[in-house]
Amino acid sequence: TQQVLTSTLGEVADDMEQAGIKPPAITVVGDVAGLDLEHTSVHEPSDH
């Protein structure tokens, strides 16, 4: 399953623990992390 957690670098470790997010996980840092990908076709399953 996919989970999205938005946090600060100073709080991300505690926030991940509270959210129950464990490795393996992908962390995105920077302006791109603020993009709303919820409504894009990136999350749509491929037909192939």
PDB file of N, CA and C in Angstrom:
ATOM      1  N   THR A   1       0.829  -1.183   0.000  1.00  0.00           N
ATOM      2  CA  THR A   1       0.000   0.000   0.000  1.00  0.00           C
ATOM      3  C   THR A   1       0.873   1.246   0.000  1.00  0.00           C
ATOM      4  N   GLN A   2       0.301   2.321  -0.435  1.00  0.00           N
ATOM      5  CA  GLN A   2       1.030   3.588  -0.486  1.00  0.00           C
ATOM      6  C   GLN A   2       0.555   4.495   0.631  1.00  0.00           C
ATOM      7  N   GLN A   3       1.510   5.097   1.314  1.00  0.00           N
ATOM      8  CA  GLN A   3       1.211   6.094   2.328  1.00  0.00           C
ATOM      9  C   GLN A   3       1.999   7.345   1.989  1.00  0.00           C
ATOM     10  N   VAL A   4       1.437   8.495   2.282  1.00  0.00           N
ATOM     11  CA  VAL A   4       2.128   9.760   2.079  1.00  0.00           C
ATOM     12  C   VAL A   4       2.190  10.471   3.419  1.00  0.00           C
ATOM     13  N   LEU A   5       3.384  10.880   3.797  1.00  0.00           N
ATOM     14  CA  LEU A   5       3.599  11.613   5.041  1.00  0.00           C
ATOM     15  C   LEU A   5       4.336  12.893   4.697  1.00  0.00           C
ATOM     16  N   THR A   6       3.771  14.012   5.059  1.00  0.00           N
ATOM     17  CA  THR A   6       4.424  15.298   4.849  1.00  0.00           C
ATOM     18  C   THR A   6       4.924  15.788   6.194  1.00  0.00           C
ATOM     19  N   SER A   7       6.204  16.133   6.251  1.00  0.00           N
ATOM     20  CA  SER A   7       6.820  16.507   7.516  1.00  0.00           C
ATOM     21  C   SER A   7       7.975  17.455   7.250  1.00  0.00           C
ATOM     22  N   THR A   8       8.685  17.801   8.313  1.00  0.00           N
ATOM     23  CA  THR A   8       9.919  18.573   8.185  1.00  0.00           C
ATOM     24  C   THR A   8      11.085  17.634   8.452  1.00  0.00           C
ATOM     25  N   LEU A   9      12.275  18.025   8.020  1.00  0.00           N
ATOM     26  CA  LEU A   9      13.443  17.181   8.276  1.00  0.00           C
ATOM     27  C   LEU A   9      13.667  16.979   9.768  1.00  0.00           C
ATOM     28  N   GLY A  10      13.359  17.986  10.559  1.00  0.00           N
ATOM     29  CA  GLY A  10      13.559  17.884  11.992  1.00  0.00           C
ATOM     30  C   GLY A  10      12.582  16.952  12.692  1.00  0.00           C
ATOM     31  N   GLU A  11      11.429  16.719  12.077  1.00  0.00           N
ATOM     32  CA  GLU A  11      10.395  15.913  12.716  1.00  0.00           C
ATOM     33  C   GLU A  11      10.091  14.609  12.001  1.00  0.00           C
ATOM     34  N   VAL A  12      10.706  14.368  10.848  1.00  0.00           N
ATOM     35  CA  VAL A  12      10.304  13.234  10.014  1.00  0.00           C
ATOM     36  C   VAL A  12      10.519  11.884  10.698  1.00  0.00           C
ATOM     37  N   ALA A  13      11.589  11.707  11.444  1.00  0.00           N
ATOM     38  CA  ALA A  13      11.828  10.414  12.102  1.00  0.00           C
ATOM     39  C   ALA A  13      10.719  10.106  13.103  1.00  0.00           C
ATOM     40  N   ASP A  14      10.368  11.077  13.925  1.00  0.00           N
ATOM     41  CA  ASP A  14       9.288  10.873  14.899  1.00  0.00           C
ATOM     42  C   ASP A  14       7.942  10.686  14.204  1.00  0.00           C
ATOM     43  N   ASP A  15       7.692  11.474  13.156  1.00  0.00           N
ATOM     44  CA  ASP A  15       6.424  11.369  12.436  1.00  0.00           C
ATOM     45  C   ASP A  15       6.284  10.008  11.756  1.00  0.00           C
ATOM     46  N   MET A  16       7.384   9.493  11.193  1.00  0.00           N
ATOM     47  CA  MET A  16       7.342   8.173  10.563  1.00  0.00           C
ATOM     48  C   MET A  16       7.055   7.088  11.595  1.00  0.00           C
ATOM     49  N   GLU A  17       7.678   7.194  12.747  1.00  0.00           N
ATOM     50  CA  GLU A  17       7.442   6.211  13.801  1.00  0.00           C
ATOM     51  C   GLU A  17       5.978   6.250  14.251  1.00  0.00           C
ATOM     52  N   GLN A  18       5.446   7.448  14.444  1.00  0.00           N
ATOM     53  CA  GLN A  18       4.049   7.586  14.866  1.00  0.00           C
ATOM     54  C   GLN A  18       3.080   7.064  13.808  1.00  0.00           C
ATOM     55  N   ALA A  19       3.441   7.211  12.536  1.00  0.00           N
ATOM     56  CA  ALA A  19       2.588   6.749  11.442  1.00  0.00           C
ATOM     57  C   ALA A  19       2.759   5.262  11.168  1.00  0.00           C
ATOM     58  N   GLY A  20       3.754   4.642  11.793  1.00  0.00           N
ATOM     59  CA  GLY A  20       3.993   3.218  11.576  1.00  0.00           C
ATOM     60  C   GLY A  20       4.675   2.908  10.261  1.00  0.00           C
ATOM     61  N   ILE A  21       5.354   3.885   9.682  1.00  0.00           N
ATOM     62  CA  ILE A  21       6.062   3.678   8.416  1.00  0.00           C
ATOM     63  C   ILE A  21       7.425   3.084   8.718  1.00  0.00           C
ATOM     64  N   LYS A  22       7.691   1.930   8.113  1.00  0.00           N
ATOM     65  CA  LYS A  22       8.952   1.223   8.337  1.00  0.00           C
ATOM     66  C   LYS A  22       9.623   0.946   6.988  1.00  0.00           C
ATOM     67  N   PRO A  23      10.938   0.729   7.008  1.00  0.00           N
ATOM     68  CA  PRO A  23      11.636   0.399   5.764  1.00  0.00           C
ATOM     69  C   PRO A  23      11.066  -0.881   5.155  1.00  0.00           C
ATOM     70  N   PRO A  24      11.111  -1.014   3.852  1.00  0.00           N
ATOM     71  CA  PRO A  24      11.634  -0.054   2.883  1.00  0.00           C
ATOM     72  C   PRO A  24      10.639   1.085   2.648  1.00  0.00           C
ATOM     73  N   ALA A  25      11.164   2.275   2.519  1.00  0.00           N
ATOM     74  CA  ALA A  25      10.351   3.459   2.251  1.00  0.00           C
ATOM     75  C   ALA A  25      11.144   4.398   1.355  1.00  0.00           C
ATOM     76  N   ILE A  26      10.448   5.194   0.604  1.00  0.00           N
ATOM     77  CA  ILE A  26      11.086   6.186  -0.260  1.00  0.00           C
ATOM     78  C   ILE A  26      10.850   7.556   0.357  1.00  0.00           C
ATOM     79  N   THR A  27      11.916   8.326   0.487  1.00  0.00           N
ATOM     80  CA  THR A  27      11.831   9.672   1.039  1.00  0.00           C
ATOM     81  C   THR A  27      12.141  10.678  -0.060  1.00  0.00           C
ATOM     82  N   VAL A  28      11.280  11.660  -0.216  1.00  0.00           N
ATOM     83  CA  VAL A  28      11.470  12.706  -1.214  1.00  0.00           C
ATOM     84  C   VAL A  28      11.658  14.017  -0.467  1.00  0.00           C
ATOM     85  N   VAL A  29      12.739  14.732  -0.802  1.00  0.00           N
ATOM     86  CA  VAL A  29      13.063  15.986  -0.127  1.00  0.00           C
ATOM     87  C   VAL A  29      13.130  17.098  -1.167  1.00  0.00           C
ATOM     88  N   GLY A  30      12.571  18.235  -0.856  1.00  0.00           N
ATOM     89  CA  GLY A  30      12.656  19.383  -1.750  1.00  0.00           C
ATOM     90  C   GLY A  30      11.298  19.807  -2.266  1.00  0.00           C
ATOM     91  N   ASP A  31      11.312  20.745  -3.202  1.00  0.00           N
ATOM     92  CA  ASP A  31      10.075  21.310  -3.736  1.00  0.00           C
ATOM     93  C   ASP A  31       9.170  20.252  -4.356  1.00  0.00           C
ATOM     94  N   VAL A  32       9.747  19.253  -4.989  1.00  0.00           N
ATOM     95  CA  VAL A  32       8.940  18.219  -5.643  1.00  0.00           C
ATOM     96  C   VAL A  32       8.098  17.451  -4.631  1.00  0.00           C
ATOM     97  N   ALA A  33       8.534  17.405  -3.388  1.00  0.00           N
ATOM     98  CA  ALA A  33       7.773  16.705  -2.351  1.00  0.00           C
ATOM     99  C   ALA A  33       6.440  17.386  -2.089  1.00  0.00           C
ATOM    100  N   GLY A  34       6.320  18.651  -2.422  1.00  0.00           N
ATOM    101  CA  GLY A  34       5.083  19.378  -2.201  1.00  0.00           C
ATOM    102  C   GLY A  34       4.075  19.263  -3.324  1.00  0.00           C
ATOM    103  N   LEU A  35       4.439  18.609  -4.409  1.00  0.00           N
ATOM    104  CA  LEU A  35       3.513  18.466  -5.528  1.00  0.00           C
ATOM    105  C   LEU A  35       2.358  17.554  -5.146  1.00  0.00           C
ATOM    106  N   ASP A  36       1.170  17.883  -5.606  1.00  0.00           N
ATOM    107  CA  ASP A  36       0.001  17.055  -5.350  1.00  0.00           C
ATOM    108  C   ASP A  36      -0.120  16.035  -6.474  1.00  0.00           C
ATOM    109  N   LEU A  37       0.388  14.840  -6.252  1.00  0.00           N
ATOM    110  CA  LEU A  37       0.336  13.793  -7.273  1.00  0.00           C
ATOM    111  C   LEU A  37      -0.934  12.961  -7.166  1.00  0.00           C
ATOM    112  N   GLU A  38      -1.765  13.265  -6.203  1.00  0.00           N
ATOM    113  CA  GLU A  38      -2.988  12.497  -5.970  1.00  0.00           C
ATOM    114  C   GLU A  38      -3.901  12.480  -7.195  1.00  0.00           C
ATOM    115  N   HIS A  39      -3.901  13.566  -7.967  1.00  0.00           N
ATOM    116  CA  HIS A  39      -4.829  13.682  -9.086  1.00  0.00           C
ATOM    117  C   HIS A  39      -4.137  13.590 -10.441  1.00  0.00           C
ATOM    118  N   THR A  40      -3.031  12.898 -10.503  1.00  0.00           N
ATOM    119  CA  THR A  40      -2.338  12.730 -11.777  1.00  0.00           C
ATOM    120  C   THR A  40      -2.417  11.282 -12.220  1.00  0.00           C
ATOM    121  N   SER A  41      -2.091  11.035 -13.472  1.00  0.00           N
ATOM    122  CA  SER A  41      -2.128   9.672 -13.993  1.00  0.00           C
ATOM    123  C   SER A  41      -0.936   8.849 -13.526  1.00  0.00           C
ATOM    124  N   VAL A  42      -0.018   9.456 -12.788  1.00  0.00           N
ATOM    125  CA  VAL A  42       1.145   8.722 -12.290  1.00  0.00           C
ATOM    126  C   VAL A  42       0.700   7.555 -11.424  1.00  0.00           C
ATOM    127  N   HIS A  43      -0.404   7.713 -10.713  1.00  0.00           N
ATOM    128  CA  HIS A  43      -0.871   6.680  -9.803  1.00  0.00           C
ATOM    129  C   HIS A  43      -1.816   5.683 -10.451  1.00  0.00           C
ATOM    130  N   GLU A  44      -2.159   5.899 -11.705  1.00  0.00           N
ATOM    131  CA  GLU A  44      -3.065   4.986 -12.384  1.00  0.00           C
ATOM    132  C   GLU A  44      -2.308   3.747 -12.846  1.00  0.00           C
ATOM    133  N   PRO A  45      -2.900   2.559 -12.671  1.00  0.00           N
ATOM    134  CA  PRO A  45      -2.226   1.337 -13.130  1.00  0.00           C
ATOM    135  C   PRO A  45      -2.046   1.330 -14.644  1.00  0.00           C
ATOM    136  N   SER A  46      -0.983   0.729 -15.077  1.00  0.00           N
ATOM    137  CA  SER A  46      -0.693   0.617 -16.499  1.00  0.00           C
ATOM    138  C   SER A  46      -1.561  -0.469 -17.122  1.00  0.00           C
ATOM    139  N   ASP A  47      -1.853  -0.333 -18.408  1.00  0.00           N
ATOM    140  CA  ASP A  47      -2.625  -1.355 -19.118  1.00  0.00           C
ATOM    141  C   ASP A  47      -1.756  -2.510 -19.597  1.00  0.00           C
ATOM    142  N   HIS A  48      -0.430  -2.421 -19.421  1.00  0.00           N
ATOM    143  CA  HIS A  48       0.438  -3.492 -19.891  1.00  0.00           C
ATOM    144  C   HIS A  48       1.195  -4.128 -18.795  1.00  0.00           C
TER     145      HIS A  48
END
